[in-house]
Protein backbone atom coordinates (compact mmCIF):
# COMPACT_ATOMS: atom_id res chain seq x y z
CA MET A 1 38.29 -25.94 -27.82
CA ASP A 2 37.58 -24.81 -31.78
CA ARG A 3 33.72 -25.63 -32.01
CA VAL A 4 33.18 -25.52 -35.91
CA VAL A 5 35.90 -28.59 -35.98
CA LEU A 6 34.43 -30.29 -33.46
CA GLU A 7 30.86 -29.86 -35.12
CA ARG A 8 32.42 -30.71 -38.35
CA LYS A 9 33.58 -34.10 -36.95
CA LEU A 10 30.13 -34.54 -34.98
CA GLU A 11 28.50 -34.51 -38.58
CA SER A 12 31.06 -36.45 -40.20
CA LEU A 13 30.46 -38.82 -37.76
CA ARG A 14 26.71 -39.00 -38.00
CA ARG A 15 27.23 -39.79 -41.69
CA CYS A 16 29.49 -43.00 -41.03
CA LEU A 17 27.12 -44.31 -38.61
CA ALA A 18 23.93 -43.54 -41.05
CA ARG A 19 26.33 -45.54 -43.57
CA VAL A 20 26.55 -48.51 -41.61
CA ARG A 21 23.46 -48.44 -40.80
CA THR A 22 21.94 -48.75 -44.82
CA ARG A 23 24.41 -51.08 -46.07
CA ARG A 24 24.85 -53.47 -43.34
CA PRO A 25 23.85 -57.13 -44.14
CA ALA A 26 20.75 -58.39 -41.99
CA THR A 27 22.86 -61.71 -41.06
CA LEU A 28 26.30 -62.91 -40.54
CA THR A 29 26.03 -64.79 -43.19
CA GLU A 30 24.70 -62.40 -45.80
CA LEU A 31 27.80 -60.08 -44.73
CA VAL A 32 30.60 -62.82 -45.02
CA ALA A 33 28.96 -62.82 -49.10
CA ASP A 34 29.26 -59.69 -49.81
CA VAL A 35 32.46 -58.22 -50.10
CA ASP A 36 30.99 -54.34 -51.06
CA ALA A 37 29.49 -54.47 -47.86
CA GLN A 38 32.39 -55.73 -46.46
CA ASP A 39 34.58 -52.94 -47.15
CA VAL A 40 31.24 -49.99 -46.56
CA LEU A 41 31.23 -51.35 -43.38
CA VAL A 42 35.17 -51.59 -42.28
CA LEU A 43 35.77 -48.39 -43.80
CA ASN A 44 32.80 -46.36 -42.04
CA LEU A 45 33.17 -47.74 -38.87
CA SER A 46 37.13 -47.23 -38.91
CA ARG A 47 36.44 -43.63 -39.78
CA ALA A 48 34.00 -43.16 -37.32
CA VAL A 49 36.59 -45.17 -34.83
CA GLN A 50 39.20 -42.44 -36.28
CA LEU A 51 36.61 -39.27 -35.72
CA CYS A 52 36.30 -39.98 -32.66
CA VAL A 53 39.77 -40.18 -31.18
CA ASP A 54 40.10 -36.93 -33.20
CA MET A 55 37.55 -35.41 -31.03
CA ALA A 56 38.59 -36.75 -28.08
CA ALA A 57 42.11 -35.54 -28.44
CA HIS A 58 40.47 -32.12 -29.27
CA LEU A 59 38.98 -32.11 -25.81
CA LEU A 60 42.10 -33.48 -24.34
CA SER A 61 44.00 -30.45 -25.67
CA GLU A 62 42.12 -27.50 -23.38
CA LEU A 63 43.45 -29.73 -20.59
CA GLU A 64 46.58 -29.28 -21.03
CA LEU A 65 47.97 -32.51 -20.44
CA PRO A 66 50.44 -34.46 -21.82
CA PRO A 67 49.45 -36.22 -25.04
CA PRO A 68 48.17 -39.52 -24.69
CA SER A 69 50.67 -42.05 -26.00
CA THR A 70 48.16 -44.53 -27.67
CA MET A 71 44.30 -43.65 -29.57
CA GLY A 72 43.11 -45.34 -26.67
CA GLU A 73 44.33 -43.54 -24.02
CA THR A 74 42.69 -40.81 -25.20
CA PHE A 75 39.32 -42.39 -23.89
CA SER A 76 40.97 -43.21 -20.94
CA ARG A 77 42.33 -39.38 -20.28
CA LEU A 78 38.81 -37.93 -21.09
CA ALA A 79 37.35 -40.77 -18.76
CA GLU A 80 39.84 -39.83 -15.43
CA ALA A 81 39.11 -36.22 -16.57
CA ALA A 82 35.30 -36.99 -15.90
CA MET A 83 34.66 -35.95 -19.54
CA ILE A 84 32.79 -38.89 -20.63
CA ASP A 85 31.48 -42.30 -18.55
CA PRO A 86 34.21 -44.76 -17.86
CA GLU A 87 32.22 -47.62 -19.63
CA LEU A 88 31.54 -45.69 -22.78
CA ALA A 89 36.01 -44.88 -22.58
CA GLN A 90 36.74 -48.72 -22.29
CA ALA A 91 33.87 -49.18 -25.19
CA LEU A 92 35.79 -47.23 -27.42
CA ARG A 93 39.59 -48.47 -26.73
CA LYS A 94 37.75 -51.54 -27.63
CA ALA A 95 36.85 -50.05 -31.04
CA VAL A 96 40.20 -48.61 -31.49
CA GLY A 97 41.71 -52.00 -31.55
CA PHE A 98 39.01 -53.20 -33.92
CA ARG A 99 39.86 -50.04 -36.36
CA ASN A 100 43.72 -51.10 -35.73
CA LEU A 101 43.14 -54.05 -37.17
CA ALA A 102 40.76 -53.39 -39.90
CA VAL A 103 43.62 -50.16 -40.85
CA HIS A 104 46.58 -52.63 -40.75
CA ASN A 105 46.08 -56.46 -41.17
CA TYR A 106 42.68 -56.00 -43.45
CA ASP A 107 42.81 -59.65 -44.51
CA GLU A 108 42.62 -60.64 -40.90
CA ILE A 109 39.45 -59.00 -40.35
CA ASP A 110 36.69 -61.31 -38.01
CA TRP A 111 33.84 -60.87 -40.23
CA ALA A 112 30.88 -61.67 -37.38
CA ILE A 113 33.14 -58.22 -35.00
CA VAL A 114 32.41 -56.25 -37.51
CA PHE A 115 28.70 -57.77 -37.95
CA ALA A 116 28.36 -57.13 -33.96
CA ILE A 117 29.70 -53.49 -33.96
CA SER A 118 27.43 -52.51 -36.75
CA THR A 119 24.24 -54.21 -35.19
CA SER A 120 25.18 -53.56 -31.62
CA HIS A 121 27.34 -51.19 -31.15
CA LEU A 122 26.85 -48.00 -32.68
CA GLY A 123 25.43 -46.72 -29.70
CA ASP A 124 28.53 -46.19 -28.37
CA PHE A 125 29.63 -43.59 -31.16
CA GLU A 126 26.50 -41.97 -30.63
CA GLN A 127 26.68 -41.70 -26.74
CA PHE A 128 29.68 -40.48 -27.25
CA ALA A 129 28.20 -37.74 -29.98
CA ARG A 130 26.24 -36.77 -27.14
CA GLN A 131 28.67 -36.65 -24.47
CA VAL A 132 30.49 -33.85 -27.33
CA ALA A 133 28.12 -32.27 -28.12
CA ALA A 134 26.62 -31.81 -24.41
CA ARG A 135 30.40 -30.08 -23.99
CA LEU A 136 29.73 -27.48 -27.36
CA ASP A 137 26.43 -26.47 -25.16
CA VAL A 138 28.24 -25.71 -22.12
């Protein structure tokens, strides 16, 4: 496991989440009306998901298992290896679904989902970061 790579990704994740917090509007109505906030939130949430996938794949590489066939499966495998909690794996698999929609079908984004993620689910990313950081201290 390359500690420096994981530490850099953890710092990038922290910056993405901070950016979401500083730019998210107070209400869904405000988000729908603010194209700049939409862009900032979608970009940083997508980056946050990708960073988590990258860290998860990095952690899995030390297990010498075949690579997962999907990004979501990466989190399932971490849960099976007891490296993250199963509930967190499920939440992060859902986040991958959001990321895929944001990256591939931006014009179909449901702003209520973006608002919900930015107001109620940033803790999932933070919990993952804590579990990754704990592995660095082992």
